[in-house]
Protein backbone atom coordinates (compact mmCIF):
# COMPACT_ATOMS: atom_id res chain seq x y z
CA MET A 1 7.15 -34.71 -1.15
CA GLN A 2 3.73 -33.88 -1.85
CA ILE A 3 3.22 -30.34 -0.59
CA GLY A 4 0.24 -30.71 1.66
CA ALA A 5 -0.24 -34.66 2.50
CA LYS A 6 0.61 -33.98 6.03
CA HIS A 7 0.02 -31.18 8.42
CA PRO A 8 2.63 -31.27 11.36
CA LEU A 9 1.43 -29.39 14.67
CA THR A 10 5.19 -28.29 15.64
CA PRO A 11 6.01 -24.87 16.25
CA ARG A 12 8.78 -25.49 13.28
CA ALA A 13 5.99 -26.32 10.77
CA MET A 14 4.62 -23.08 11.45
CA PHE A 15 7.67 -21.39 9.66
CA SER A 16 8.98 -24.59 7.36
CA GLY A 17 6.07 -23.66 5.24
CA LEU A 18 8.19 -20.11 4.29
CA PHE A 19 11.02 -21.90 3.09
CA LEU A 20 9.24 -25.13 1.21
CA HIS A 21 6.97 -22.64 -0.70
CA ARG A 22 8.81 -19.56 -1.00
CA GLU A 23 8.23 -19.47 -4.42
CA LEU A 24 4.84 -20.13 -4.10
CA LEU A 25 4.49 -17.41 -1.62
CA TRP A 26 6.40 -14.72 -3.59
CA GLU A 27 3.88 -15.15 -6.21
CA LEU A 28 0.99 -14.77 -4.49
CA VAL A 29 1.99 -11.84 -2.74
CA ARG A 30 3.24 -10.62 -5.78
CA ARG A 31 -0.42 -11.17 -7.68
CA ASP A 32 -2.14 -9.73 -4.43
CA PHE A 33 -0.45 -6.45 -4.25
CA ILE A 34 -0.13 -5.64 -7.76
CA GLY A 35 -3.81 -7.57 -8.53
CA ARG A 36 -5.57 -5.12 -5.85
CA TYR A 37 -4.70 -1.68 -7.93
CA LYS A 38 -5.09 -3.28 -11.36
CA GLY A 39 -7.09 -1.83 -13.98
CA SER A 40 -7.18 1.68 -11.80
CA ILE A 41 -5.85 4.78 -13.27
CA MET A 42 -3.66 5.39 -9.97
CA GLY A 43 -2.60 1.91 -9.79
CA VAL A 44 -0.18 1.15 -6.70
CA ALA A 45 -0.24 4.80 -6.01
CA TRP A 46 -3.57 4.07 -3.91
CA SER A 47 -1.36 2.66 -1.58
CA LEU A 48 0.24 6.02 -0.88
CA PHE A 49 -2.77 8.32 -1.68
CA SER A 50 -5.58 6.70 0.99
CA PRO A 51 -3.11 6.92 4.16
CA LEU A 52 -2.27 10.71 3.26
CA LEU A 53 -5.68 11.37 2.74
CA MET A 54 -6.69 10.44 6.09
CA LEU A 55 -3.65 11.96 7.40
CA ALA A 56 -4.96 15.28 6.26
CA ILE A 57 -8.05 14.65 7.64
CA TYR A 58 -7.11 13.47 11.29
CA THR A 59 -4.47 16.40 11.17
CA VAL A 60 -7.21 18.92 10.81
CA VAL A 61 -9.40 17.23 13.01
CA PHE A 62 -7.25 16.46 15.92
CA SER A 63 -4.92 19.15 15.67
CA VAL A 64 -6.79 22.42 14.60
CA ALA A 65 -10.37 21.83 15.50
CA PHE A 66 -10.16 19.45 18.95
CA LYS A 67 -6.75 21.58 19.35
CA ALA A 68 -4.86 17.64 20.25
CA ARG A 69 -1.19 18.15 21.36
CA TRP A 70 1.65 15.48 22.42
CA GLY A 71 2.73 17.46 24.72
CA LEU A 72 6.44 18.15 23.54
CA GLY A 73 6.65 21.85 24.03
CA GLU A 74 6.68 24.00 20.61
CA GLU A 75 4.88 21.59 18.24
CA SER A 76 4.07 22.53 14.64
CA LYS A 77 1.22 20.92 12.83
CA VAL A 78 4.19 18.81 10.49
CA ALA A 79 5.17 17.45 13.65
CA PHE A 80 1.46 16.76 15.14
CA SER A 81 1.05 15.16 11.94
CA LEU A 82 3.82 12.57 11.84
CA VAL A 83 3.67 11.74 15.09
CA LEU A 84 -0.03 10.82 13.72
CA PHE A 85 0.89 9.33 10.85
CA SER A 86 3.36 7.03 12.56
CA GLY A 87 0.53 5.54 14.73
CA MET A 88 -1.65 5.23 11.52
CA ILE A 89 0.47 3.39 9.65
CA VAL A 90 0.86 0.59 12.78
CA HIS A 91 -2.83 0.49 12.92
CA SER A 92 -3.54 0.18 9.10
CA PHE A 93 -0.92 -3.13 9.06
CA PHE A 94 -3.08 -4.45 11.65
CA ALA A 95 -6.28 -4.07 10.57
CA GLU A 96 -5.66 -4.54 7.10
CA CYS A 97 -4.51 -8.18 7.83
CA LEU A 98 -7.49 -8.98 10.42
CA ASN A 99 -10.12 -7.31 7.67
CA ARG A 100 -8.91 -9.86 5.15
CA ALA A 101 -8.11 -13.02 7.05
CA PRO A 102 -12.09 -13.97 7.56
CA GLY A 103 -12.53 -14.23 3.92
CA LEU A 104 -9.02 -16.02 2.70
CA ILE A 105 -10.35 -19.05 2.64
CA THR A 106 -13.47 -18.37 1.18
CA SER A 107 -12.36 -16.06 -1.38
CA HIS A 108 -10.10 -19.20 -2.79
CA PRO A 109 -12.19 -22.26 -3.18
CA ASN A 110 -10.36 -23.57 -5.75
CA TYR A 111 -7.40 -23.99 -3.58
CA VAL A 112 -9.65 -25.60 -0.79
CA LYS A 113 -10.33 -28.25 -3.30
CA LYS A 114 -6.58 -28.96 -4.63
CA VAL A 115 -5.20 -31.71 -1.64
CA VAL A 116 -1.92 -30.30 -2.69
CA PHE A 117 -2.01 -26.74 -2.11
CA PRO A 118 -0.91 -25.59 1.22
CA LEU A 119 -3.88 -23.48 2.44
CA GLU A 120 -1.83 -22.23 5.61
CA ILE A 121 0.30 -19.92 3.11
CA LEU A 122 -2.66 -17.73 2.78
CA PRO A 123 -2.51 -15.88 5.95
CA TRP A 124 0.86 -15.22 5.19
CA MET A 125 0.28 -14.14 1.90
CA ALA A 126 -2.07 -11.58 3.26
CA LEU A 127 0.51 -10.55 6.01
CA PHE A 128 3.59 -9.88 3.57
CA SER A 129 0.91 -8.21 1.41
CA ALA A 130 0.25 -5.73 4.30
CA LEU A 131 3.72 -5.42 5.05
CA LEU A 132 4.64 -3.97 1.27
CA HIS A 133 1.63 -1.31 1.96
CA PHE A 134 3.32 -0.76 5.76
CA LEU A 135 6.87 0.04 4.03
CA VAL A 136 5.68 2.20 1.87
CA SER A 137 3.86 4.04 4.29
CA PHE A 138 7.11 4.21 6.30
CA CYS A 139 8.80 5.41 3.37
CA VAL A 140 6.55 8.06 3.21
CA LEU A 141 7.16 8.72 6.82
CA LEU A 142 10.97 8.98 6.30
CA VAL A 143 10.44 11.42 3.80
CA PHE A 144 8.68 14.09 5.51
CA CYS A 145 10.61 13.44 8.48
CA LEU A 146 13.29 15.08 6.26
CA LEU A 147 11.40 17.52 4.44
CA GLY A 148 10.04 18.76 7.81
CA GLY A 149 13.00 18.86 9.66
CA VAL A 150 12.06 16.57 11.90
CA THR A 151 14.96 14.29 13.33
CA VAL A 152 14.68 10.15 12.67
CA HIS A 153 16.62 8.53 15.68
CA ILE A 154 18.88 5.76 15.56
CA GLY A 155 16.25 3.50 16.99
CA ALA A 156 14.51 3.13 13.92
CA LEU A 157 16.76 0.63 12.88
CA LEU A 158 14.78 -1.62 15.67
CA ILE A 159 11.37 -1.07 14.32
CA PRO A 160 11.48 -4.45 12.52
CA ILE A 161 12.34 -6.06 15.81
CA LEU A 162 9.67 -4.06 17.86
CA LEU A 163 7.07 -4.82 15.64
CA LEU A 164 7.80 -8.77 15.65
CA PRO A 165 5.50 -9.39 18.45
CA LEU A 166 2.78 -7.84 16.64
CA ILE A 167 3.47 -9.54 13.41
CA LEU A 168 3.65 -13.15 15.41
CA MET A 169 0.17 -11.88 17.46
CA VAL A 170 -1.14 -11.13 14.03
CA MET A 171 -0.07 -14.50 12.02
CA GLY A 172 -2.08 -16.74 14.88
CA LEU A 173 -5.05 -14.39 14.77
CA SER A 174 -5.27 -14.50 11.03
CA TRP A 175 -4.93 -18.45 11.03
CA ILE A 176 -7.80 -18.21 13.56
CA LEU A 177 -10.05 -15.91 11.72
CA ALA A 178 -9.15 -17.85 8.41
CA SER A 179 -10.91 -20.77 9.68
CA LEU A 180 -13.52 -19.20 11.56
CA GLY A 181 -14.74 -17.25 8.30
CA VAL A 182 -15.43 -20.45 6.66
CA TYR A 183 -18.50 -21.43 9.33
CA MET A 184 -19.29 -17.86 10.12
CA ARG A 185 -19.78 -15.84 7.55
CA ASP A 186 -20.73 -12.59 9.18
CA LEU A 187 -17.18 -12.88 11.10
CA ALA A 188 -16.23 -10.45 8.43
CA GLN A 189 -18.35 -7.77 9.14
CA ILE A 190 -17.58 -8.33 13.29
CA ILE A 191 -13.85 -8.03 12.57
CA GLY A 192 -14.30 -4.85 10.73
CA MET A 193 -15.93 -3.30 13.70
CA VAL A 194 -13.39 -4.48 15.83
CA THR A 195 -10.77 -3.20 14.03
CA THR A 196 -12.28 0.58 14.00
CA VAL A 197 -12.90 0.73 17.87
CA ALA A 198 -9.47 -0.64 18.47
CA LEU A 199 -8.08 2.39 16.46
CA PHE A 200 -9.73 4.73 18.94
CA ILE A 201 -8.98 3.02 22.14
CA SER A 202 -5.00 3.19 21.35
CA PRO A 203 -2.38 5.98 21.60
CA VAL A 204 -3.02 6.64 17.55
CA PHE A 205 -4.31 9.95 18.06
CA TYR A 206 -3.76 10.46 21.95
CA PRO A 207 -0.57 9.88 24.58
CA ILE A 208 -1.63 7.50 27.11
CA GLU A 209 -0.37 9.55 29.76
CA ASN A 210 -3.66 12.12 28.65
CA LEU A 211 -6.20 9.43 29.68
CA PRO A 212 -7.09 8.81 33.48
CA GLU A 213 -5.10 6.35 35.68
CA ALA A 214 -8.23 4.13 35.68
CA TYR A 215 -8.12 4.02 31.84
CA ARG A 216 -4.52 3.76 30.90
CA ALA A 217 -3.92 -0.20 32.03
CA LEU A 218 -6.85 -1.12 29.73
CA ILE A 219 -5.72 0.86 26.77
CA THR A 220 -2.25 -1.15 27.08
CA LEU A 221 -4.49 -4.57 26.67
CA ASN A 222 -4.87 -2.93 22.62
CA PRO A 223 -2.38 -5.28 20.72
CA ILE A 224 -1.37 -2.12 19.15
CA ALA A 225 -0.77 0.17 21.95
CA LEU A 226 2.69 -1.02 22.68
CA PRO A 227 3.91 -1.16 19.18
CA VAL A 228 2.72 2.48 18.64
CA VAL A 229 4.14 3.99 21.57
CA GLN A 230 8.01 1.94 20.80
CA LEU A 231 7.56 2.78 17.07
CA ARG A 232 7.43 6.51 18.55
CA ASP A 233 9.74 6.10 21.32
CA ALA A 234 12.33 4.81 19.08
CA MET A 235 12.18 6.69 15.83
CA LEU A 236 10.71 10.40 16.67
CA TRP A 237 11.70 10.89 20.19
CA GLY A 238 14.47 8.67 21.03
CA LYS A 239 13.42 7.28 24.46
CA HIS A 240 14.34 4.42 26.07
CA LEU A 241 12.47 1.14 25.22
CA GLN A 242 9.99 -1.07 27.16
CA TRP A 243 11.84 -4.21 26.51
CA ASP A 244 10.07 -5.60 29.56
CA ALA A 245 6.91 -5.41 27.86
CA TRP A 246 8.29 -6.36 24.56
CA LEU A 247 9.29 -9.77 25.69
CA ALA A 248 5.94 -10.11 27.76
CA SER A 249 4.13 -8.92 24.36
CA LEU A 250 6.93 -11.80 22.56
CA GLY A 251 5.54 -14.33 24.42
CA ILE A 252 2.07 -13.63 23.94
CA GLY A 253 2.84 -13.28 20.27
CA ILE A 254 4.26 -16.81 19.84
CA ALA A 255 1.54 -18.61 22.16
CA ILE A 256 -1.20 -16.64 19.90
CA SER A 257 0.54 -17.87 16.37
CA TYR A 258 0.99 -21.26 17.78
CA PHE A 259 -2.32 -21.80 18.96
CA GLY A 260 -3.96 -20.00 15.54
CA TYR A 261 -1.77 -22.41 13.70
CA TRP A 262 -2.81 -25.38 15.68
CA TRP A 263 -6.46 -24.46 15.35
CA PHE A 264 -6.19 -23.69 11.33
CA GLN A 265 -4.72 -27.31 11.26
CA LYS A 266 -6.96 -28.89 13.20
CA THR A 267 -10.25 -27.21 11.11
CA ARG A 268 -9.23 -27.20 7.86
CA ARG A 269 -10.27 -30.76 7.24
CA GLY A 270 -13.93 -29.57 7.27
CA PHE A 271 -13.12 -26.50 5.02
CA ALA A 272 -14.11 -28.35 1.71
CA ASP A 273 -17.63 -29.54 2.77
CA VAL A 274 -18.26 -26.28 3.95
CA ILE A 275 -17.24 -24.63 0.55
C-alpha cells in the first residue's frame, strides 16, 4: 500500500495512522526528543532543569512575596511547590504542543514534497515528544512528593484517563494550527502569547475558589483548568473527581480532534504550492 496515497476523513483514520506508521513515528519522536538537546553540555537534563528553575522562581514569588496559599491548613513551602508544579507540568504539555504546531509543516519542507510521506503524523510526533517531557516532569513530581513526605493518593493511577480529553483537544488544535501555520507565518507569535495568557488565567498559581463567583465560570473555559484541578484532586488531595465535567470535556476533545484532522486533510493539498 502506498503511504499517503489516500487521505480518508473518517474518525477511524485519525488513529489508524498511529498503527500503520508506528515505526516511522517512533523514530521521529526519538530523534525529536534527543535532537532537541544534541550538542548541549547538559543534554536531556535540560528537560529537568528548566521546569525546576521556573518552579523555584514561582515558589519564591507566590509563596514568599505574595504569600499565596492553597487553603489547606498548615502548608509548608514544599507542599505549596508541589501543588504549583503539578499545575505547571500540565500547562507545559499544553503550551509545548500548541507553540510548536504552527511550524511543524514549514520546518519540514522536504517532507511536504514527498507524496508518500504521511504529514498528518507530524502533530502526533510533537504530542508524543511533549508527553515524554511530561513524563519526566511527572517522575520529578513523584520523587519530590516522596522526599517531602507528601502523600500520593491512589487516584494518581487515573491521570492518563484524566488527561485524555486534553490530549484529544491538543491533537485537534495541533492539526489546525499546523495547517494554518503554512499560510499565516505570524501565527507562531500569536499562539505564544495565547499560551502565556492561558497560564495566568488557569488555576496553576491559585485555587479557583479564591476568585469572585463571576470569574469562576470564565476560568473553567480554559482547556487546562479541569485537567489541572483533577490531577491535584486525584494525586495530591484524594478528592472525588468530577466525572460529569470529564465526560463533557471528552466529548469536546473528540469533536475538536476530528475537526482538526478533517481540516488538516482538506487543506494539505496547498502546502506544496506555498512552501
